[in-house]
Amino acid sequence: MTTPYFDVLIVGAGLSGIGAAVHLQQRCPQHRYAIVEARSRLGGTWDLFRYPGIRSDSDMYTMGYRFKPWPDAKSIADGPSILAYVEATAREHGVDRHIRYGQRLVQADWSTPDACWTVQLQAADGTRSTLRCNFLLMCPGYYRYDRGHTPALPGIEQFAGRVVHPQFWPQDLDTTGQRIVIIGSGATAVTLLPSLARTAAHVTMLQRSPTWIVSRPSVDKLAEALRRWLPAGAAYTLNRWKRVLLGMYFYRMCQRKPEGVGRWLLAQLKPQLPPGFDIERHFHPRYKPWEQRLCLVPDGDFFAALREGRASVATDTIEGFSAHGVRLQSGEELPTDIVVTATGLELQVLGGAQLVVDGRPVDPAQCVSYKALMLSGVPNLASITGYTNASWTLKSDLSAEYVCRLLNHLRAQGLRQCTPTLTDPDMPLAEAFDFSSGYIQRALHLFPKRGMKAPWLLKQNYVHDLMTLRHGRINDGALVFSNPAAPRDVMPAAAE
């Protein structure tokens, strides 16, 4: 039986993968493609996470696709609304017809003589199948779906209640009237607290150290006015750029004047908290603003739960557990029926797949990232990831556009292979991310390095990437083009 062949194979049917497929259809209509998705549904993160209150931690004017205006009034959207948006995008553009579900990429082997990746896929029952493609576009996100990060919790086996990780929230879990302790202080914990506090007896967020938190309205009044006055596309573009530029300005201020920004952030919290609340202890982090992602609170719902006494914050270290509570080093015990371990994600590179190039196994950590998109020495592969300091989709949109430009350049030149190639062996290198978040620090050793000069430099800056990815030269000297197609080379048709 003939192995199915595609010009492009997209791995992952989440926010990035669906967007990449739309860009491919619009900009490279002559390229045949398929999407493989390990799960049984599209949506990625927005289908996997089902915990109470799941929502975006970025505004949807920048987290939405460039080509599809976000339709709802709320710019800080809940998970089901975002999933519906991704599903509608796939359906409207016919992308859903190209998805092969229940197929996890386990290995991809590149052959230079064939200018082709041979891809090994594994189904849930362990059976394997094979596809071939000229270009591999990785969009699986950068964290593991099969497990989250749970640190050692001393004495947790003594706890008689239920322990839940948000990544695997039980749909039958009834939290009504329950005492709940959420361990963690990141975006998931900040999202869970107000949602659970609506019906629980009490919710406590237990943190070792605070996180920077900022409250914003879920509905942008100026954005809504523009939506009334202007055509949908024009209003969306203006709102998107407003959010981009404000975000860039705020990030730059955090870099230049972190102490001043920190004082301003804390001052914003004071009127939202109960009188006499110890802001310094519970909301003044040890790190500077934007050394980790800021936690976004829509409409101040987190602080409302604290003001109304339905929730509280404890800043302390766990000493152990009893049958019905959490013992803290301060001597206090938090009585609880349910412990929620909102302790973070576990990252992985390339969805955990193994790469082999001409018989040589590839360790991504030994590669250097080209334009934060490709790997040095690895042909015809791009991996789409988002920003750490802005919305994921801003970068994934630009990256998909660049891949389309690259594919069209290859076809126009009659070539089949492009390989990022280091020409300066003495160029200083740095870790992939300059970010202090625990989930990043735990996985830095897995990721490719970044260089200190273009095109190996990672800027985390949308305007810079707009110029380099959308308008920069394709043939920049670092990307080596080779492997001419035969004069009458005809690729085999995709077998469905």
Protein backbone atom coordinates (compact mmCIF):
# COMPACT_ATOMS: atom_id res chain seq x y z
CA MET A 1 0.00 0.00 0.00
CA THR A 2 1.33 3.43 -0.96
CA THR A 3 2.32 5.68 1.93
CA PRO A 4 0.25 8.90 1.87
CA TYR A 5 2.30 11.94 0.87
CA PHE A 6 1.65 15.63 1.54
CA ASP A 7 3.57 18.78 0.72
CA VAL A 8 3.05 19.96 4.31
CA LEU A 9 2.11 18.04 7.44
CA ILE A 10 0.81 20.15 10.33
CA VAL A 11 1.13 18.57 13.76
CA GLY A 12 -1.52 19.75 16.21
CA ALA A 13 -5.08 21.03 15.73
CA GLY A 14 -5.10 23.69 18.42
CA LEU A 15 -5.12 27.45 18.08
CA SER A 16 -1.78 27.49 16.19
CA GLY A 17 -2.43 24.48 13.97
CA ILE A 18 -5.84 25.65 12.77
CA GLY A 19 -4.48 29.12 12.10
CA ALA A 20 -1.49 27.73 10.21
CA ALA A 21 -3.78 25.63 8.02
CA VAL A 22 -5.87 28.69 7.09
CA HIS A 23 -2.75 30.67 6.19
CA LEU A 24 -1.51 27.72 4.11
CA GLN A 25 -4.78 27.47 2.20
CA GLN A 26 -4.86 31.18 1.51
CA ARG A 27 -1.20 31.74 0.64
CA CYS A 28 -0.09 28.36 -0.76
CA PRO A 29 -3.21 26.89 -2.38
CA GLN A 30 -1.10 24.58 -4.55
CA HIS A 31 0.33 22.78 -1.50
CA ARG A 32 -1.40 19.63 -0.30
CA TYR A 33 -1.55 19.31 3.46
CA ALA A 34 -2.94 17.31 6.34
CA ILE A 35 -3.18 17.88 10.09
CA VAL A 36 -2.49 15.13 12.61
CA GLU A 37 -3.91 15.57 16.11
CA ALA A 38 -3.13 13.27 19.03
CA ARG A 39 -6.47 13.89 20.73
CA SER A 40 -9.96 13.07 19.50
CA ARG A 41 -11.04 16.70 19.10
CA LEU A 42 -9.59 19.95 17.84
CA GLY A 43 -8.94 22.93 20.08
CA GLY A 44 -5.77 21.95 21.94
CA THR A 45 -5.54 23.76 25.26
CA TRP A 46 -9.08 25.06 24.97
CA ASP A 47 -10.51 21.57 24.65
CA LEU A 48 -8.19 19.92 27.19
CA PHE A 49 -8.64 22.34 30.10
CA ARG A 50 -12.11 22.02 31.65
CA TYR A 51 -11.54 23.41 35.13
CA PRO A 52 -14.06 25.96 36.51
CA GLY A 53 -13.63 29.46 35.15
CA ILE A 54 -11.08 28.56 32.46
CA ARG A 55 -10.44 31.70 30.40
CA SER A 56 -7.83 33.55 28.40
CA ASP A 57 -4.96 35.34 30.11
CA SER A 58 -4.69 37.72 27.14
CA ASP A 59 -7.21 39.91 25.38
CA MET A 60 -8.89 38.31 22.39
CA TYR A 61 -8.09 41.20 20.05
CA THR A 62 -4.49 39.95 20.07
CA MET A 63 -5.19 36.32 20.91
CA GLY A 64 -7.69 36.03 18.06
CA TYR A 65 -6.52 35.37 14.51
CA ARG A 66 -5.47 38.27 12.34
CA PHE A 67 -7.77 37.01 9.57
CA LYS A 68 -10.88 36.43 11.73
CA PRO A 69 -12.15 39.22 14.00
CA TRP A 70 -13.08 38.17 17.52
CA PRO A 71 -16.90 38.39 17.48
CA ASP A 72 -17.83 38.81 21.16
CA ALA A 73 -17.99 41.88 23.37
CA LYS A 74 -15.84 40.32 26.08
CA SER A 75 -12.17 40.63 25.21
CA ILE A 76 -11.19 38.50 28.23
CA ALA A 77 -13.02 35.38 27.14
CA ASP A 78 -13.96 32.09 28.78
CA GLY A 79 -12.58 28.78 27.54
CA PRO A 80 -15.77 27.48 25.88
CA SER A 81 -16.08 30.72 23.86
CA ILE A 82 -12.49 30.43 22.67
CA LEU A 83 -12.99 26.78 21.73
CA ALA A 84 -16.12 27.71 19.77
CA TYR A 85 -14.11 30.41 17.95
CA VAL A 86 -11.40 27.90 16.95
CA GLU A 87 -14.03 25.36 15.87
CA ALA A 88 -15.86 27.98 13.81
CA THR A 89 -12.60 29.00 12.12
CA ALA A 90 -11.82 25.39 11.17
CA ARG A 91 -15.35 24.81 9.90
CA GLU A 92 -15.64 28.05 7.90
CA HIS A 93 -12.35 27.45 6.09
CA GLY A 94 -12.82 23.70 5.61
CA VAL A 95 -9.75 22.96 7.70
CA ASP A 96 -11.64 20.37 9.76
CA ARG A 97 -11.81 18.08 6.71
CA HIS A 98 -8.01 17.79 6.72
CA ILE A 99 -7.62 16.63 10.34
CA ARG A 100 -6.66 13.05 11.23
CA TYR A 101 -7.57 12.56 14.88
CA GLY A 102 -6.04 10.17 17.38
CA GLN A 103 -2.64 10.25 15.69
CA ARG A 104 0.36 11.24 17.82
CA LEU A 105 3.69 11.97 16.15
CA VAL A 106 6.37 9.78 17.74
CA GLN A 107 9.23 10.00 15.21
CA ALA A 108 10.10 11.85 12.02
CA ASP A 109 13.01 10.79 9.77
CA TRP A 110 14.39 13.17 7.14
CA SER A 111 16.00 11.84 3.96
CA THR A 112 18.00 14.32 1.90
CA PRO A 113 18.03 12.16 -1.27
CA ASP A 114 14.23 11.98 -1.14
CA ALA A 115 13.74 15.52 0.26
CA CYS A 116 11.14 13.98 2.48
CA TRP A 117 10.11 13.36 6.08
CA THR A 118 8.84 9.89 6.92
CA VAL A 119 6.58 10.33 9.90
CA GLN A 120 5.63 7.62 12.39
CA LEU A 121 2.23 8.10 14.04
CA GLN A 122 0.78 6.21 16.98
CA ALA A 123 -2.89 5.77 17.82
CA ALA A 124 -4.30 5.47 21.33
CA ASP A 125 -4.37 1.67 21.03
CA GLY A 126 -0.66 1.58 20.17
CA THR A 127 -1.03 0.84 16.47
CA ARG A 128 1.30 2.76 14.18
CA SER A 129 0.96 4.28 10.73
CA THR A 130 3.22 6.22 8.39
CA LEU A 131 2.92 9.44 6.39
CA ARG A 132 5.43 11.25 4.23
CA CYS A 133 5.79 14.98 3.66
CA ASN A 134 8.24 17.53 2.30
CA PHE A 135 7.74 20.07 5.11
CA LEU A 136 6.88 19.42 8.74
CA LEU A 137 5.06 22.23 10.58
CA MET A 138 4.96 21.61 14.31
CA CYS A 139 2.06 23.23 16.19
CA PRO A 140 1.61 21.01 19.27
CA GLY A 141 2.19 23.76 21.85
CA TYR A 142 5.02 23.44 24.32
CA TYR A 143 3.62 21.57 27.28
CA ARG A 144 2.63 17.99 27.94
CA TYR A 145 -1.03 17.09 27.74
CA ASP A 146 -0.64 13.78 29.55
CA ARG A 147 0.63 15.22 32.83
CA GLY A 148 1.09 18.47 34.71
CA HIS A 149 3.71 19.50 37.23
CA THR A 150 3.05 18.42 40.81
CA PRO A 151 5.92 18.94 43.26
CA ALA A 152 6.44 16.66 46.24
CA LEU A 153 3.85 17.53 48.90
CA PRO A 154 5.04 16.20 52.27
CA GLY A 155 2.47 13.95 53.93
CA ILE A 156 -0.16 14.27 51.20
CA GLU A 157 -0.94 10.55 51.60
CA GLN A 158 -2.42 11.35 55.02
CA PHE A 159 -5.05 13.64 53.52
CA ALA A 160 -8.48 11.99 53.50
CA GLY A 161 -10.09 14.37 51.02
CA ARG A 162 -9.78 14.64 47.27
CA VAL A 163 -6.67 15.91 45.47
CA VAL A 164 -7.23 17.38 42.00
CA HIS A 165 -4.89 18.77 39.35
CA PRO A 166 -6.63 21.43 37.19
CA GLN A 167 -5.28 19.90 33.97
CA PHE A 168 -7.39 16.80 34.67
CA TRP A 169 -10.42 18.31 36.36
CA PRO A 170 -13.05 15.62 37.12
CA GLN A 171 -16.33 16.62 35.53
CA ASP A 172 -18.26 14.89 38.33
CA LEU A 173 -16.54 16.87 41.11
CA ASP A 174 -19.14 18.76 43.17
CA THR A 175 -17.45 21.61 45.07
CA THR A 176 -20.68 23.05 46.50
CA GLY A 177 -20.33 23.74 50.21
CA GLN A 178 -16.78 22.38 50.27
CA ARG A 179 -13.69 23.88 51.89
CA ILE A 180 -11.04 24.15 49.18
CA VAL A 181 -7.32 24.92 49.28
CA ILE A 182 -5.71 25.85 45.96
CA ILE A 183 -1.94 25.35 46.05
CA GLY A 184 -0.36 27.83 43.65
CA SER A 185 -0.37 31.50 42.73
CA GLY A 186 -0.28 31.55 38.93
CA ALA A 187 -2.93 32.20 36.30
CA THR A 188 -4.75 28.91 36.96
CA ALA A 189 -5.04 29.53 40.71
CA VAL A 190 -6.15 33.13 40.18
CA THR A 191 -8.80 31.91 37.73
CA LEU A 192 -10.05 29.06 39.91
CA LEU A 193 -10.49 31.02 43.14
CA PRO A 194 -13.36 33.34 42.14
CA SER A 195 -15.12 30.61 40.18
CA LEU A 196 -15.01 28.05 42.99
CA ALA A 197 -15.84 30.67 45.64
CA ARG A 198 -19.29 31.21 44.15
CA THR A 199 -20.58 27.94 45.64
CA ALA A 200 -17.86 26.59 47.95
CA ALA A 201 -17.94 27.07 51.73
CA HIS A 202 -14.57 28.82 51.47
CA VAL A 203 -11.58 28.89 49.12
CA THR A 204 -8.00 29.57 50.19
CA MET A 205 -5.19 30.23 47.74
CA LEU A 206 -2.02 28.93 49.38
CA GLN A 207 1.15 30.36 47.86
CA ARG A 208 4.82 30.23 48.73
CA SER A 209 5.31 33.67 47.21
CA PRO A 210 3.05 36.19 45.43
CA THR A 211 2.51 36.86 41.75
CA TRP A 212 1.99 40.22 40.06
CA ILE A 213 -1.74 40.57 39.41
CA VAL A 214 -3.52 43.23 37.39
CA SER A 215 -7.26 43.77 37.03
CA ARG A 216 -8.84 44.82 33.73
CA PRO A 217 -12.42 45.15 32.48
CA SER A 218 -13.54 42.13 30.49
CA VAL A 219 -15.26 44.50 28.03
CA ASP A 220 -13.17 47.27 26.43
CA LYS A 221 -15.51 50.28 26.08
CA LEU A 222 -13.38 51.98 23.43
CA ALA A 223 -13.21 48.74 21.47
CA GLU A 224 -16.99 48.41 21.62
CA ALA A 225 -17.40 51.99 20.42
CA LEU A 226 -15.12 51.31 17.46
CA ARG A 227 -17.15 48.18 16.67
CA ARG A 228 -20.28 50.35 16.47
CA TRP A 229 -18.69 53.09 14.38
CA LEU A 230 -16.53 51.11 11.95
CA PRO A 231 -16.76 48.00 9.78
CA ALA A 232 -15.88 44.85 11.71
CA GLY A 233 -12.51 44.33 10.00
CA ALA A 234 -11.33 47.92 10.48
CA ALA A 235 -12.46 48.02 14.12
CA TYR A 236 -10.71 44.73 14.84
CA THR A 237 -7.47 45.91 13.26
CA LEU A 238 -7.47 49.16 15.23
CA ASN A 239 -8.30 47.40 18.48
CA ARG A 240 -5.61 44.79 17.81
CA TRP A 241 -2.94 47.42 17.21
CA LYS A 242 -4.06 49.43 20.23
CA ARG A 243 -3.58 46.34 22.41
CA VAL A 244 -0.24 45.48 20.78
CA LEU A 245 1.23 48.93 21.26
CA LEU A 246 -0.08 49.34 24.82
CA GLY A 247 1.30 45.91 25.69
CA MET A 248 4.70 46.74 24.20
CA TYR A 249 4.79 50.07 26.02
CA PHE A 250 3.91 48.50 29.35
CA TYR A 251 6.48 45.74 28.89
CA ARG A 252 9.18 48.29 28.07
CA MET A 253 8.27 50.33 31.15
CA CYS A 254 8.60 47.16 33.23
CA GLN A 255 12.11 46.71 31.83
CA ARG A 256 13.16 50.33 32.30
CA LYS A 257 11.43 51.29 35.56
CA PRO A 258 10.43 48.07 37.33
CA GLU A 259 10.25 49.60 40.80
CA GLY A 260 7.92 52.39 39.65
CA VAL A 261 5.68 49.97 37.76
CA GLY A 262 5.61 47.68 40.79
CA ARG A 263 4.47 50.53 43.06
CA TRP A 264 1.77 51.44 40.54
CA LEU A 265 0.52 47.85 40.32
CA LEU A 266 0.29 47.55 44.10
CA ALA A 267 -1.52 50.90 44.32
CA GLN A 268 -4.16 49.59 41.90
CA LEU A 269 -4.89 46.70 44.26
CA LYS A 270 -5.48 48.67 47.45
CA PRO A 271 -9.05 49.91 46.70
CA GLN A 272 -10.05 46.41 45.54
CA LEU A 273 -9.05 44.64 48.77
CA PRO A 274 -10.60 44.55 52.26
CA PRO A 275 -9.48 47.28 54.69
CA GLY A 276 -6.26 46.40 56.45
CA PHE A 277 -5.35 43.65 53.98
CA ASP A 278 -1.61 42.88 54.03
CA ILE A 279 -0.83 43.75 50.42
CA GLU A 280 2.92 43.68 50.94
CA ARG A 281 2.88 40.11 52.21
CA HIS A 282 0.36 38.60 49.81
CA PHE A 283 0.72 40.61 46.58
CA HIS A 284 4.26 42.00 46.42
CA PRO A 285 6.36 39.43 44.51
CA ARG A 286 10.09 38.86 44.95
CA TYR A 287 10.67 39.37 41.23
CA LYS A 288 10.22 42.42 38.99
CA PRO A 289 7.09 42.90 36.83
CA TRP A 290 7.21 40.84 33.62
CA GLU A 291 10.09 38.64 34.74
CA GLN A 292 7.15 36.24 34.79
CA ARG A 293 3.78 36.60 33.12
CA LEU A 294 1.37 38.94 34.86
CA CYS A 295 -1.87 37.35 36.04
CA LEU A 296 -4.89 39.02 34.50
CA VAL A 297 -8.08 39.35 36.56
CA PRO A 298 -11.20 40.33 34.56
CA ASP A 299 -13.54 42.79 36.28
CA GLY A 300 -11.71 42.29 39.59
CA ASP A 301 -13.56 39.01 40.29
CA PHE A 302 -10.61 37.61 42.27
CA PHE A 303 -10.55 40.62 44.60
CA ALA A 304 -14.34 40.67 44.96
CA ALA A 305 -14.19 37.12 46.38
CA LEU A 306 -11.64 38.31 48.96
CA ARG A 307 -13.66 41.41 49.91
CA GLU A 308 -16.82 39.39 50.41
CA GLY A 309 -15.08 36.86 52.66
CA ARG A 310 -15.75 33.92 50.35
CA ALA A 311 -12.02 33.43 49.77
CA SER A 312 -8.66 34.21 51.34
CA VAL A 313 -4.95 34.13 50.57
CA ALA A 314 -2.29 32.40 52.70
CA THR A 315 1.39 33.05 52.00
CA ASP A 316 3.34 30.29 53.71
CA THR A 317 5.13 26.97 53.20
CA ILE A 318 3.53 23.54 53.60
CA GLU A 319 4.83 21.53 56.54
CA GLY A 320 2.50 18.57 56.01
CA PHE A 321 -1.08 17.34 55.82
CA SER A 322 -3.56 15.95 58.26
CA ALA A 323 -6.64 13.95 57.35
CA HIS A 324 -8.69 17.13 56.99
CA GLY A 325 -6.27 19.98 56.46
CA VAL A 326 -2.95 21.49 55.41
CA ARG A 327 -0.38 22.28 58.10
CA LEU A 328 1.78 25.34 57.49
CA GLN A 329 5.23 26.13 58.82
CA SER A 330 3.77 29.10 60.66
CA GLY A 331 1.82 26.64 62.79
CA GLU A 332 -1.54 27.44 61.21
CA GLU A 333 -3.69 24.65 59.77
CA LEU A 334 -6.03 25.24 56.85
CA PRO A 335 -9.08 22.95 57.15
CA THR A 336 -10.05 21.58 53.76
CA ASP A 337 -12.11 18.97 51.97
CA ILE A 338 -10.48 19.37 48.54
CA VAL A 339 -6.87 20.21 47.62
CA VAL A 340 -6.32 21.63 44.13
CA THR A 341 -2.69 21.43 42.96
CA ALA A 342 -2.49 24.42 40.60
CA THR A 343 1.27 23.96 40.60
CA GLY A 344 2.08 24.40 36.95
CA LEU A 345 2.76 22.81 33.61
CA GLU A 346 5.38 20.40 32.36
CA LEU A 347 6.97 21.52 29.11
CA GLN A 348 8.25 19.46 26.22
CA VAL A 349 9.82 20.19 22.83
CA LEU A 350 8.21 19.26 19.50
CA GLY A 351 5.38 17.41 21.23
CA GLY A 352 7.87 14.88 22.54
CA ALA A 353 8.65 13.53 19.05
CA GLN A 354 12.08 12.17 18.10
CA LEU A 355 13.75 13.72 15.04
CA VAL A 356 16.28 11.91 12.86
CA VAL A 357 18.10 13.66 9.98
CA ASP A 358 19.80 11.36 7.46
CA GLY A 359 20.19 8.68 10.12
CA ARG A 360 21.46 11.08 12.81
CA PRO A 361 19.24 11.59 15.91
CA VAL A 362 18.62 15.25 16.68
CA ASP A 363 18.74 16.69 20.18
CA PRO A 364 16.90 20.05 19.99
CA ALA A 365 18.87 21.29 23.02
CA GLN A 366 22.05 21.06 20.92
CA CYS A 367 20.55 23.19 18.15
CA VAL A 368 20.24 26.96 17.81
CA SER A 369 16.86 28.48 17.06
CA TYR A 370 16.58 30.28 13.71
CA LYS A 371 14.09 33.18 13.87
CA ALA A 372 12.65 31.40 16.94
CA LEU A 373 11.04 29.10 14.39
CA MET A 374 13.47 26.55 12.89
CA LEU A 375 16.39 24.47 14.21
CA SER A 376 19.97 24.74 13.01
CA GLY A 377 20.94 21.73 10.93
CA VAL A 378 17.35 20.46 10.61
CA PRO A 379 15.84 20.81 7.11
CA ASN A 380 12.24 21.63 6.24
CA LEU A 381 10.89 21.87 9.77
CA ALA A 382 9.32 24.80 11.60
CA SER A 383 7.96 24.82 15.13
CA ILE A 384 5.43 27.50 16.01
CA THR A 385 5.39 28.91 19.52
CA GLY A 386 4.01 32.15 20.90
CA TYR A 387 5.34 35.00 22.98
CA THR A 388 6.06 34.87 26.69
CA ASN A 389 5.24 38.58 27.05
CA ALA A 390 2.21 38.90 24.79
CA SER A 391 -0.57 36.85 23.21
CA TRP A 392 0.41 33.49 21.76
CA THR A 393 -1.45 34.05 18.49
CA LEU A 394 0.38 37.26 17.60
CA LYS A 395 3.54 35.21 17.06
CA SER A 396 1.87 32.09 15.67
CA ASP A 397 0.13 34.15 12.96
CA LEU A 398 3.42 35.77 11.91
CA SER A 399 5.24 32.43 12.00
CA ALA A 400 2.65 30.76 9.77
CA GLU A 401 2.87 33.64 7.29
CA TYR A 402 6.64 33.26 7.19
CA VAL A 403 6.41 29.51 6.55
CA CYS A 404 4.09 30.21 3.63
CA ARG A 405 6.58 32.72 2.21
CA LEU A 406 9.32 30.13 2.61
CA LEU A 407 7.30 27.39 0.87
CA ASN A 408 6.47 29.68 -2.05
CA HIS A 409 10.14 30.67 -2.38
CA LEU A 410 11.18 27.01 -2.54
CA ARG A 411 8.61 26.25 -5.21
CA ALA A 412 9.49 29.33 -7.26
CA GLN A 413 13.18 28.38 -7.21
CA GLY A 414 12.51 24.74 -8.06
CA LEU A 415 14.12 23.62 -4.79
CA ARG A 416 13.01 21.10 -2.18
CA GLN A 417 15.13 21.78 0.88
CA CYS A 418 16.01 24.65 3.22
CA THR A 419 18.30 24.23 6.21
CA PRO A 420 19.18 26.85 8.84
CA THR A 421 22.97 26.77 9.02
CA LEU A 422 25.26 28.40 11.58
CA THR A 423 28.09 30.26 9.84
CA ASP A 424 29.60 31.82 12.98
CA PRO A 425 30.66 29.07 15.41
CA ASP A 426 31.88 31.69 17.88
CA MET A 427 28.55 33.51 18.19
CA PRO A 428 27.58 33.75 21.89
CA LEU A 429 24.54 31.68 22.82
CA ALA A 430 21.93 32.01 25.56
CA GLU A 431 19.04 29.99 26.93
CA ALA A 432 15.86 29.93 24.88
CA PHE A 433 13.84 32.04 27.32
CA ASP A 434 14.84 34.91 29.58
CA PHE A 435 11.97 34.22 31.95
CA SER A 436 12.01 33.23 35.61
CA SER A 437 8.73 31.30 35.78
CA GLY A 438 9.15 27.88 37.37
CA TYR A 439 7.65 25.95 34.46
CA ILE A 440 10.16 27.63 32.12
CA GLN A 441 13.18 27.16 34.39
CA ARG A 442 12.42 23.46 34.91
CA ALA A 443 12.56 22.79 31.16
CA LEU A 444 15.24 25.17 29.82
CA HIS A 445 17.67 22.28 29.34
CA LEU A 446 15.31 20.76 26.76
CA PHE A 447 15.02 23.75 24.41
CA PRO A 448 17.31 24.97 21.62
CA LYS A 449 19.59 27.89 22.40
CA ARG A 450 19.21 31.37 20.95
CA GLY A 451 21.97 33.40 19.38
CA MET A 452 23.03 36.95 20.17
CA LYS A 453 22.59 38.32 16.65
CA ALA A 454 20.10 38.04 13.80
CA PRO A 455 18.64 35.80 12.52
CA TRP A 456 19.33 33.67 15.61
CA LEU A 457 18.18 36.37 18.01
CA LEU A 458 14.90 36.04 19.91
CA LYS A 459 13.46 39.49 20.60
CA GLN A 460 9.97 38.78 22.04
CA ASN A 461 8.85 41.89 20.15
CA TYR A 462 5.89 41.88 17.77
CA VAL A 463 6.97 44.87 15.65
CA HIS A 464 10.48 43.43 15.22
CA ASP A 465 9.01 40.08 14.19
CA LEU A 466 6.52 41.77 11.89
CA MET A 467 9.40 43.32 9.95
CA THR A 468 11.59 40.20 9.87
CA LEU A 469 8.97 37.47 9.37
CA ARG A 470 6.47 39.26 7.15
CA HIS A 471 8.80 41.59 5.24
CA GLY A 472 12.38 40.40 5.76
CA ARG A 473 14.48 38.64 3.13
CA ILE A 474 13.95 34.90 2.83
CA ASN A 475 17.39 34.26 1.38
CA ASP A 476 19.41 35.81 4.21
CA GLY A 477 22.55 33.69 4.00
CA ALA A 478 21.78 31.66 7.12
CA LEU A 479 19.07 29.62 5.43
CA VAL A 480 20.73 27.30 2.91
CA PHE A 481 18.60 26.26 -0.07
CA SER A 482 19.38 23.03 -1.90
CA ASN A 483 18.06 19.82 -3.44
CA PRO A 484 16.67 20.86 -6.85
CA ALA A 485 13.54 19.11 -7.96
CA ALA A 486 13.81 16.95 -11.07
CA PRO A 487 12.67 18.86 -14.17
CA ARG A 488 9.56 16.75 -14.50
CA ASP A 489 9.23 15.78 -10.86
CA VAL A 490 5.63 15.16 -9.92
CA MET A 491 4.81 14.50 -6.32
CA PRO A 492 2.49 11.53 -5.65
CA ALA A 493 -1.10 12.43 -4.88
CA ALA A 494 -2.20 12.35 -1.27
CA ALA A 495 -3.92 9.10 -0.48
CA GLU A 496 -6.98 9.56 1.72
